[in-house]
């Protein structure tokens, strides 16, 4: 059910990046879950947009609107970048206004097995769904890839969480020059578990590198969604399953079956 949530803040971080704080009354989000957001009160754009949940905000010490007890209000923070009409409209929304929110949705990231060596791999805005996981784990390695050092502003909240952070930029302005997956191979052992979120090409490479090292890899897929609850079938992705010598292929919904999948489940040839 869609919930009307009050905007607490909608602040520009840098360039086209924004933090959006929302007062919500739904259950506390798990790392890797997302919400479907109606960015406008009108019919354009008509459909909700998916946003990974960046942080949970706990309770608030100030009044929110004309009703509700501040002590009982909880919230979420979304981190987004203006890339099209929907996010451009969202960037212009102001504190005190309300947005329709459906969530939290999806299955989220499972905990690593005891004794695992954790490696988080993020490409650009793929960093957003990993913050709650990084905060919960409080240890491990974060590999972050971006076009240039300007995007390293997205790492600010991750510093101080107990992570070892390595960066790669396509233009060489920070960290190593190249793709973030170029950092991954040297980090893995069979005891590693990889949590990855970012562009499909990055996820596919991370899956292949993890398989070669014998490491477990979990990927958070990004697909266009219309409903967020597995009804419209717009975010279908082909997966595979091995049973003995037989391999079956079938489709799953990124919104309801995912967005997090075991990398070996995904039929990467069709992404």
C-alpha atoms as a PDB file:
ATOM      1  CA  UNK A   1       0.000   0.000   0.000  1.00  0.00           C
ATOM      2  CA  UNK A   2       1.300   3.432  -0.922  1.00  0.00           C
ATOM      3  CA  UNK A   3       2.050   5.675   2.039  1.00  0.00           C
ATOM      4  CA  UNK A   4       2.163   9.458   1.922  1.00  0.00           C
ATOM      5  CA  UNK A   5       5.532  10.432   3.366  1.00  0.00           C
ATOM      6  CA  UNK A   6       6.654  13.911   4.266  1.00  0.00           C
ATOM      7  CA  UNK A   7       9.884  15.261   2.827  1.00  0.00           C
ATOM      8  CA  UNK A   8      12.299  16.114   5.646  1.00  0.00           C
ATOM      9  CA  UNK A   9      15.044  17.431   3.385  1.00  0.00           C
ATOM     10  CA  UNK A  10      16.090  17.246  -0.254  1.00  0.00           C
ATOM     11  CA  UNK A  11      19.632  18.539  -0.257  1.00  0.00           C
ATOM     12  CA  UNK A  12      22.132  18.747  -3.066  1.00  0.00           C
ATOM     13  CA  UNK A  13      25.312  16.837  -2.168  1.00  0.00           C
ATOM     14  CA  UNK A  14      27.381  17.887  -5.172  1.00  0.00           C
ATOM     15  CA  UNK A  15      26.683  18.374  -8.848  1.00  0.00           C
ATOM     16  CA  UNK A  16      23.559  16.409  -9.684  1.00  0.00           C
ATOM     17  CA  UNK A  17      23.618  14.267  -6.516  1.00  0.00           C
ATOM     18  CA  UNK A  18      20.951  14.677  -3.841  1.00  0.00           C
ATOM     19  CA  UNK A  19      19.983  13.279  -0.428  1.00  0.00           C
ATOM     20  CA  UNK A  20      16.259  12.874   0.156  1.00  0.00           C
ATOM     21  CA  UNK A  21      14.972  12.312   3.699  1.00  0.00           C
ATOM     22  CA  UNK A  22      11.449  10.949   4.113  1.00  0.00           C
ATOM     23  CA  UNK A  23       9.300  10.406   7.205  1.00  0.00           C
ATOM     24  CA  UNK A  24       7.803   6.933   6.809  1.00  0.00           C
ATOM     25  CA  UNK A  25       5.613   4.674   8.903  1.00  0.00           C
ATOM     26  CA  UNK A  26       6.415   1.321   7.282  1.00  0.00           C
ATOM     27  CA  UNK A  27       8.649  -1.458   8.717  1.00  0.00           C
ATOM     28  CA  UNK A  28      12.359  -0.833   9.111  1.00  0.00           C
ATOM     29  CA  UNK A  29      14.278  -1.485   5.921  1.00  0.00           C
ATOM     30  CA  UNK A  30      16.840  -4.255   5.458  1.00  0.00           C
ATOM     31  CA  UNK A  31      20.115  -3.649   3.586  1.00  0.00           C
ATOM     32  CA  UNK A  32      19.553  -3.907  -0.150  1.00  0.00           C
ATOM     33  CA  UNK A  33      15.817  -3.220  -0.153  1.00  0.00           C
ATOM     34  CA  UNK A  34      14.235  -0.431  -2.177  1.00  0.00           C
ATOM     35  CA  UNK A  35      11.138   1.751  -2.421  1.00  0.00           C
ATOM     36  CA  UNK A  36       8.917   2.793  -5.304  1.00  0.00           C
ATOM     37  CA  UNK A  37       8.499   6.551  -5.262  1.00  0.00           C
ATOM     38  CA  UNK A  38       5.840   8.686  -6.937  1.00  0.00           C
ATOM     39  CA  UNK A  39       7.857  11.804  -7.723  1.00  0.00           C
ATOM     40  CA  UNK A  40       4.916  13.968  -8.762  1.00  0.00           C
ATOM     41  CA  UNK A  41       1.355  14.545  -7.564  1.00  0.00           C
ATOM     42  CA  UNK A  42       0.199  14.728 -11.174  1.00  0.00           C
ATOM     43  CA  UNK A  43       0.009  12.159 -13.969  1.00  0.00           C
ATOM     44  CA  UNK A  44       3.356  13.015 -15.542  1.00  0.00           C
ATOM     45  CA  UNK A  45       5.349  10.929 -14.928  1.00  0.00           C
ATOM     46  CA  UNK A  46       2.632   8.354 -14.340  1.00  0.00           C
ATOM     47  CA  UNK A  47       4.655   5.473 -12.907  1.00  0.00           C
ATOM     48  CA  UNK A  48       6.569   5.231  -9.649  1.00  0.00           C
ATOM     49  CA  UNK A  49      10.364   5.065  -9.790  1.00  0.00           C
ATOM     50  CA  UNK A  50      12.565   2.566  -7.872  1.00  0.00           C
ATOM     51  CA  UNK A  51      15.203   3.904  -5.455  1.00  0.00           C
ATOM     52  CA  UNK A  52      17.541   1.852  -3.284  1.00  0.00           C
ATOM     53  CA  UNK A  53      17.272   2.683   0.418  1.00  0.00           C
ATOM     54  CA  UNK A  54      20.487   4.391   1.476  1.00  0.00           C
ATOM     55  CA  UNK A  55      20.019   4.906   5.213  1.00  0.00           C
ATOM     56  CA  UNK A  56      17.406   4.609   7.939  1.00  0.00           C
ATOM     57  CA  UNK A  57      16.891   7.722  10.034  1.00  0.00           C
ATOM     58  CA  UNK A  58      15.374   6.410  13.274  1.00  0.00           C
ATOM     59  CA  UNK A  59      13.047   8.813  15.083  1.00  0.00           C
ATOM     60  CA  UNK A  60      12.783  12.578  14.799  1.00  0.00           C
ATOM     61  CA  UNK A  61      12.834  15.313  17.377  1.00  0.00           C
ATOM     62  CA  UNK A  62      10.762  17.852  15.465  1.00  0.00           C
ATOM     63  CA  UNK A  63       7.149  18.018  14.416  1.00  0.00           C
ATOM     64  CA  UNK A  64       6.273  16.648  11.012  1.00  0.00           C
ATOM     65  CA  UNK A  65       3.159  18.156   9.524  1.00  0.00           C
ATOM     66  CA  UNK A  66      -0.075  18.621  11.358  1.00  0.00           C
ATOM     67  CA  UNK A  67      -0.502  15.112  12.716  1.00  0.00           C
ATOM     68  CA  UNK A  68       1.447  12.229  14.223  1.00  0.00           C
ATOM     69  CA  UNK A  69       3.714  11.982  17.222  1.00  0.00           C
ATOM     70  CA  UNK A  70       7.334  12.883  16.415  1.00  0.00           C
ATOM     71  CA  UNK A  71       8.551  10.166  18.787  1.00  0.00           C
ATOM     72  CA  UNK A  72       6.826   7.520  16.664  1.00  0.00           C
ATOM     73  CA  UNK A  73       8.010   8.711  13.276  1.00  0.00           C
ATOM     74  CA  UNK A  74      10.789   6.853  11.495  1.00  0.00           C
ATOM     75  CA  UNK A  75      12.342   7.581   8.166  1.00  0.00           C
ATOM     76  CA  UNK A  76      14.633   6.679   5.310  1.00  0.00           C
ATOM     77  CA  UNK A  77      17.188   8.510   3.255  1.00  0.00           C
ATOM     78  CA  UNK A  78      17.579   8.044  -0.486  1.00  0.00           C
ATOM     79  CA  UNK A  79      20.670   9.010  -2.435  1.00  0.00           C
ATOM     80  CA  UNK A  80      19.971   9.818  -6.077  1.00  0.00           C
ATOM     81  CA  UNK A  81      21.409  11.485  -9.139  1.00  0.00           C
ATOM     82  CA  UNK A  82      19.463  13.621 -11.590  1.00  0.00           C
ATOM     83  CA  UNK A  83      19.511  11.698 -14.870  1.00  0.00           C
ATOM     84  CA  UNK A  84      16.118  12.328 -16.468  1.00  0.00           C
ATOM     85  CA  UNK A  85      12.704  13.914 -16.185  1.00  0.00           C
ATOM     86  CA  UNK A  86      11.604  11.997 -13.076  1.00  0.00           C
ATOM     87  CA  UNK A  87      14.682  12.735 -10.989  1.00  0.00           C
ATOM     88  CA  UNK A  88      14.708  16.345 -12.226  1.00  0.00           C
ATOM     89  CA  UNK A  89      11.167  16.747 -10.866  1.00  0.00           C
ATOM     90  CA  UNK A  90      12.192  15.030  -7.633  1.00  0.00           C
ATOM     91  CA  UNK A  91      15.129  17.410  -7.146  1.00  0.00           C
ATOM     92  CA  UNK A  92      12.680  20.317  -7.088  1.00  0.00           C
ATOM     93  CA  UNK A  93      10.451  18.921  -4.331  1.00  0.00           C
ATOM     94  CA  UNK A  94      10.651  20.802  -1.016  1.00  0.00           C
ATOM     95  CA  UNK A  95      10.576  19.934   2.717  1.00  0.00           C
ATOM     96  CA  UNK A  96       7.032  19.691   4.032  1.00  0.00           C
ATOM     97  CA  UNK A  97       5.645  18.351   0.756  1.00  0.00           C
ATOM     98  CA  UNK A  98       4.586  14.708   0.576  1.00  0.00           C
ATOM     99  CA  UNK A  99       5.496  11.892  -1.797  1.00  0.00           C
ATOM    100  CA  UNK A 100       3.755   8.551  -2.333  1.00  0.00           C
ATOM    101  CA  UNK A 101       6.063   5.741  -1.185  1.00  0.00           C
ATOM    102  CA  UNK A 102       5.630   1.977  -1.593  1.00  0.00           C
ATOM    103  CA  UNK A 103       8.028  -0.185   0.395  1.00  0.00           C
ATOM    104  CA  UNK A 104      10.313  -1.424   1.699  1.00  0.00           C
ATOM    105  CA  UNK A 105      10.446  -3.930  -1.178  1.00  0.00           C
ATOM    106  CA  UNK A 106      12.734  -6.748  -2.301  1.00  0.00           C
ATOM    107  CA  UNK A 107      14.712  -9.424  -0.523  1.00  0.00           C
ATOM    108  CA  UNK A 108      17.866  -7.503   0.424  1.00  0.00           C
ATOM    109  CA  UNK A 109      21.374  -8.785   1.150  1.00  0.00           C
ATOM    110  CA  UNK A 110      21.812 -11.932   3.259  1.00  0.00           C
ATOM    111  CA  UNK A 111      24.406 -11.951   6.043  1.00  0.00           C
ATOM    112  CA  UNK A 112      27.799 -13.473   5.187  1.00  0.00           C
ATOM    113  CA  UNK A 113      28.735 -16.830   6.680  1.00  0.00           C
ATOM    114  CA  UNK A 114      30.818 -16.654   9.823  1.00  0.00           C
ATOM    115  CA  UNK A 115      34.503 -16.287   9.027  1.00  0.00           C
ATOM    116  CA  UNK A 116      33.909 -14.910   5.533  1.00  0.00           C
ATOM    117  CA  UNK A 117      36.048 -12.158   4.087  1.00  0.00           C
ATOM    118  CA  UNK A 118      33.631  -9.488   2.842  1.00  0.00           C
ATOM    119  CA  UNK A 119      34.240  -7.419  -0.291  1.00  0.00           C
ATOM    120  CA  UNK A 120      31.759  -4.740  -1.372  1.00  0.00           C
ATOM    121  CA  UNK A 121      31.956  -3.659  -5.017  1.00  0.00           C
ATOM    122  CA  UNK A 122      30.132  -0.525  -6.140  1.00  0.00           C
ATOM    123  CA  UNK A 123      29.998   1.300  -9.449  1.00  0.00           C
ATOM    124  CA  UNK A 124      28.848   4.928  -9.261  1.00  0.00           C
ATOM    125  CA  UNK A 125      25.344   5.180  -7.784  1.00  0.00           C
ATOM    126  CA  UNK A 126      25.541   1.460  -7.058  1.00  0.00           C
ATOM    127  CA  UNK A 127      27.067   2.617  -3.776  1.00  0.00           C
ATOM    128  CA  UNK A 128      23.640   3.635  -2.423  1.00  0.00           C
ATOM    129  CA  UNK A 129      22.163   0.197  -1.537  1.00  0.00           C
ATOM    130  CA  UNK A 130      25.423  -0.867   0.148  1.00  0.00           C
ATOM    131  CA  UNK A 131      25.539   1.657   3.005  1.00  0.00           C
ATOM    132  CA  UNK A 132      23.187  -0.169   5.379  1.00  0.00           C
ATOM    133  CA  UNK A 133      25.085  -3.407   4.752  1.00  0.00           C
ATOM    134  CA  UNK A 134      28.470  -1.762   5.348  1.00  0.00           C
ATOM    135  CA  UNK A 135      27.207  -0.184   8.558  1.00  0.00           C
ATOM    136  CA  UNK A 136      25.847  -3.497   9.822  1.00  0.00           C
ATOM    137  CA  UNK A 137      29.043  -5.406   9.024  1.00  0.00           C
ATOM    138  CA  UNK A 138      31.483  -2.774  10.270  1.00  0.00           C
ATOM    139  CA  UNK A 139      34.383  -4.526   8.547  1.00  0.00           C
ATOM    140  CA  UNK A 140      35.576  -5.668   5.135  1.00  0.00           C
ATOM    141  CA  UNK A 141      36.784  -4.024   1.945  1.00  0.00           C
ATOM    142  CA  UNK A 142      34.938  -1.549  -0.256  1.00  0.00           C
ATOM    143  CA  UNK A 143      35.964  -1.237  -3.889  1.00  0.00           C
ATOM    144  CA  UNK A 144      34.436   1.843  -5.512  1.00  0.00           C
ATOM    145  CA  UNK A 145      34.510   2.674  -9.196  1.00  0.00           C
ATOM    146  CA  UNK A 146      33.611   6.014 -10.787  1.00  0.00           C
ATOM    147  CA  UNK A 147      34.155   8.078 -13.887  1.00  0.00           C
ATOM    148  CA  UNK A 148      36.233  10.674 -12.016  1.00  0.00           C
ATOM    149  CA  UNK A 149      37.231  11.773  -8.512  1.00  0.00           C
ATOM    150  CA  UNK A 150      34.183  14.089  -8.387  1.00  0.00           C
ATOM    151  CA  UNK A 151      32.056  11.026  -7.621  1.00  0.00           C
ATOM    152  CA  UNK A 152      34.184  10.172  -4.585  1.00  0.00           C
ATOM    153  CA  UNK A 153      31.909  12.519  -2.636  1.00  0.00           C
ATOM    154  CA  UNK A 154      29.638   9.452  -2.419  1.00  0.00           C
ATOM    155  CA  UNK A 155      32.193   7.767  -0.136  1.00  0.00           C
ATOM    156  CA  UNK A 156      31.926  10.345   2.651  1.00  0.00           C
ATOM    157  CA  UNK A 157      29.516   8.352   4.837  1.00  0.00           C
ATOM    158  CA  UNK A 158      31.478   5.128   4.362  1.00  0.00           C
ATOM    159  CA  UNK A 159      34.654   6.517   5.877  1.00  0.00           C
ATOM    160  CA  UNK A 160      34.764   5.664   9.567  1.00  0.00           C
ATOM    161  CA  UNK A 161      32.672   2.475   9.231  1.00  0.00           C
ATOM    162  CA  UNK A 162      35.722   0.249   9.665  1.00  0.00           C
ATOM    163  CA  UNK A 163      36.093  -0.569   5.974  1.00  0.00           C
ATOM    164  CA  UNK A 164      39.270  -0.662   3.919  1.00  0.00           C
ATOM    165  CA  UNK A 165      38.453   1.480   0.865  1.00  0.00           C
ATOM    166  CA  UNK A 166      40.037   1.284  -2.577  1.00  0.00           C
ATOM    167  CA  UNK A 167      38.975   3.355  -5.566  1.00  0.00           C
ATOM    168  CA  UNK A 168      39.263   3.253  -9.339  1.00  0.00           C
ATOM    169  CA  UNK A 169      38.381   5.996 -11.819  1.00  0.00           C
ATOM    170  CA  UNK A 170      38.065   5.759 -15.560  1.00  0.00           C
ATOM    171  CA  UNK A 171      40.060   8.969 -16.059  1.00  0.00           C
ATOM    172  CA  UNK A 172      42.704   8.169 -13.437  1.00  0.00           C
ATOM    173  CA  UNK A 173      41.918  11.242 -11.328  1.00  0.00           C
ATOM    174  CA  UNK A 174      41.643   9.132  -8.131  1.00  0.00           C
ATOM    175  CA  UNK A 175      42.816   5.658  -7.193  1.00  0.00           C
ATOM    176  CA  UNK A 176      43.892   3.399 -10.032  1.00  0.00           C
ATOM    177  CA  UNK A 177      43.040   4.273 -13.602  1.00  0.00           C
ATOM    178  CA  UNK A 178      40.553   1.789 -14.997  1.00  0.00           C
ATOM    179  CA  UNK A 179      37.524  -0.199 -13.922  1.00  0.00           C
ATOM    180  CA  UNK A 180      36.745  -1.171 -10.345  1.00  0.00           C
ATOM    181  CA  UNK A 181      36.725  -4.858 -11.286  1.00  0.00           C
ATOM    182  CA  UNK A 182      40.450  -4.479 -11.931  1.00  0.00           C
ATOM    183  CA  UNK A 183      40.840  -4.279  -8.143  1.00  0.00           C
ATOM    184  CA  UNK A 184      38.729  -7.318  -7.362  1.00  0.00           C
ATOM    185  CA  UNK A 185      40.859 -10.277  -8.373  1.00  0.00           C
ATOM    186  CA  UNK A 186      43.608  -9.553  -5.819  1.00  0.00           C
ATOM    187  CA  UNK A 187      41.054  -9.305  -2.993  1.00  0.00           C
ATOM    188  CA  UNK A 188      39.459 -12.738  -3.313  1.00  0.00           C
ATOM    189  CA  UNK A 189      39.958 -16.136  -1.745  1.00  0.00           C
ATOM    190  CA  UNK A 190      37.532 -19.089  -1.584  1.00  0.00           C
ATOM    191  CA  UNK A 191      36.450 -17.693   1.821  1.00  0.00           C
ATOM    192  CA  UNK A 192      35.389 -14.359   0.313  1.00  0.00           C
ATOM    193  CA  UNK A 193      31.838 -13.193  -0.218  1.00  0.00           C
ATOM    194  CA  UNK A 194      31.264 -10.389  -2.713  1.00  0.00           C
ATOM    195  CA  UNK A 195      28.336  -7.970  -2.575  1.00  0.00           C
ATOM    196  CA  UNK A 196      28.090  -5.985  -5.809  1.00  0.00           C
ATOM    197  CA  UNK A 197      25.845  -3.229  -7.127  1.00  0.00           C
ATOM    198  CA  UNK A 198      26.331  -1.128 -10.235  1.00  0.00           C
ATOM    199  CA  UNK A 199      26.156  -1.302 -14.037  1.00  0.00           C
ATOM    200  CA  UNK A 200      25.438  -4.674 -15.640  1.00  0.00           C
ATOM    201  CA  UNK A 201      28.892  -4.886 -17.223  1.00  0.00           C
ATOM    202  CA  UNK A 202      30.517  -4.446 -13.819  1.00  0.00           C
ATOM    203  CA  UNK A 203      28.263  -7.068 -12.227  1.00  0.00           C
ATOM    204  CA  UNK A 204      28.952  -9.561 -14.989  1.00  0.00           C
ATOM    205  CA  UNK A 205      32.719  -9.084 -14.585  1.00  0.00           C
ATOM    206  CA  UNK A 206      32.483  -9.348 -10.785  1.00  0.00           C
ATOM    207  CA  UNK A 207      30.528 -12.589 -11.139  1.00  0.00           C
ATOM    208  CA  UNK A 208      33.132 -14.095 -13.472  1.00  0.00           C
ATOM    209  CA  UNK A 209      36.075 -13.044 -11.280  1.00  0.00           C
ATOM    210  CA  UNK A 210      34.358 -14.409  -8.167  1.00  0.00           C
ATOM    211  CA  UNK A 211      33.587 -17.723  -9.854  1.00  0.00           C
ATOM    212  CA  UNK A 212      37.209 -18.098 -10.920  1.00  0.00           C
ATOM    213  CA  UNK A 213      38.366 -17.500  -7.324  1.00  0.00           C
ATOM    214  CA  UNK A 214      35.770 -19.868  -5.873  1.00  0.00           C
ATOM    215  CA  UNK A 215      34.159 -16.989  -3.966  1.00  0.00           C
ATOM    216  CA  UNK A 216      30.460 -16.459  -3.349  1.00  0.00           C
ATOM    217  CA  UNK A 217      29.036 -13.429  -5.173  1.00  0.00           C
ATOM    218  CA  UNK A 218      25.726 -11.654  -4.632  1.00  0.00           C
ATOM    219  CA  UNK A 219      24.594  -9.022  -7.104  1.00  0.00           C
ATOM    220  CA  UNK A 220      21.925  -6.339  -6.816  1.00  0.00           C
ATOM    221  CA  UNK A 221      20.334  -5.942 -10.241  1.00  0.00           C
ATOM    222  CA  UNK A 222      18.937  -2.687 -11.566  1.00  0.00           C
ATOM    223  CA  UNK A 223      16.011  -2.932 -13.987  1.00  0.00           C
ATOM    224  CA  UNK A 224      13.209  -0.659 -15.110  1.00  0.00           C
ATOM    225  CA  UNK A 225      10.162  -1.283 -12.921  1.00  0.00           C
ATOM    226  CA  UNK A 226       6.541  -0.205 -13.139  1.00  0.00           C
ATOM    227  CA  UNK A 227       4.911  -1.837 -10.109  1.00  0.00           C
ATOM    228  CA  UNK A 228       7.679  -3.056  -7.758  1.00  0.00           C
ATOM    229  CA  UNK A 229       5.644  -6.036  -6.551  1.00  0.00           C
ATOM    230  CA  UNK A 230       5.971  -8.638  -9.321  1.00  0.00           C
ATOM    231  CA  UNK A 231       2.670  -7.951 -11.091  1.00  0.00           C
ATOM    232  CA  UNK A 232       3.577  -6.092 -14.281  1.00  0.00           C
ATOM    233  CA  UNK A 233       6.432  -8.486 -15.251  1.00  0.00           C
ATOM    234  CA  UNK A 234       8.402  -5.554 -16.622  1.00  0.00           C
ATOM    235  CA  UNK A 235      11.598  -6.364 -14.718  1.00  0.00           C
ATOM    236  CA  UNK A 236      11.871 -10.059 -15.653  1.00  0.00           C
ATOM    237  CA  UNK A 237      15.379 -11.496 -15.837  1.00  0.00           C
ATOM    238  CA  UNK A 238      16.301 -14.967 -17.058  1.00  0.00           C
ATOM    239  CA  UNK A 239      17.921 -17.163 -14.445  1.00  0.00           C
ATOM    240  CA  UNK A 240      19.288 -20.686 -14.387  1.00  0.00           C
ATOM    241  CA  UNK A 241      19.303 -23.525 -11.919  1.00  0.00           C
ATOM    242  CA  UNK A 242      21.501 -26.610 -11.799  1.00  0.00           C
ATOM    243  CA  UNK A 243      20.193 -29.913 -10.513  1.00  0.00           C
ATOM    244  CA  UNK A 244      22.780 -32.599 -10.997  1.00  0.00           C
ATOM    245  CA  UNK A 245      23.704 -32.613 -14.677  1.00  0.00           C
ATOM    246  CA  UNK A 246      20.546 -30.795 -15.721  1.00  0.00           C
ATOM    247  CA  UNK A 247      20.278 -27.035 -16.102  1.00  0.00           C
ATOM    248  CA  UNK A 248      16.884 -25.320 -16.260  1.00  0.00           C
ATOM    249  CA  UNK A 249      16.209 -21.758 -17.278  1.00  0.00           C
ATOM    250  CA  UNK A 250      13.312 -19.640 -16.143  1.00  0.00           C
ATOM    251  CA  UNK A 251      12.424 -16.040 -15.413  1.00  0.00           C
ATOM    252  CA  UNK A 252      12.349 -14.226 -12.096  1.00  0.00           C
ATOM    253  CA  UNK A 253      11.246 -10.711 -11.217  1.00  0.00           C
ATOM    254  CA  UNK A 254      13.959  -8.333 -10.038  1.00  0.00           C
ATOM    255  CA  UNK A 255      11.466  -6.480  -7.847  1.00  0.00           C
ATOM    256  CA  UNK A 256       9.893  -9.398  -5.962  1.00  0.00           C
ATOM    257  CA  UNK A 257      12.449 -12.232  -6.338  1.00  0.00           C
ATOM    258  CA  UNK A 258      15.390  -9.827  -6.114  1.00  0.00           C
ATOM    259  CA  UNK A 259      16.878  -7.333  -6.456  1.00  0.00           C
ATOM    260  CA  UNK A 260      19.645  -9.430  -4.866  1.00  0.00           C
ATOM    261  CA  UNK A 261      20.565 -12.693  -6.594  1.00  0.00           C
ATOM    262  CA  UNK A 262      23.335 -15.252  -6.333  1.00  0.00           C
ATOM    263  CA  UNK A 263      25.545 -14.435  -9.318  1.00  0.00           C
ATOM    264  CA  UNK A 264      25.467 -18.013 -10.616  1.00  0.00           C
ATOM    265  CA  UNK A 265      21.660 -17.800 -10.855  1.00  0.00           C
ATOM    266  CA  UNK A 266      21.723 -15.048 -13.466  1.00  0.00           C
ATOM    267  CA  UNK A 267      21.841 -15.807 -17.185  1.00  0.00           C
ATOM    268  CA  UNK A 268      24.336 -13.077 -17.975  1.00  0.00           C
ATOM    269  CA  UNK A 269      24.147 -13.721 -21.720  1.00  0.00           C
ATOM    270  CA  UNK A 270      20.743 -12.016 -21.829  1.00  0.00           C
ATOM    271  CA  UNK A 271      21.628  -8.916 -19.776  1.00  0.00           C
END
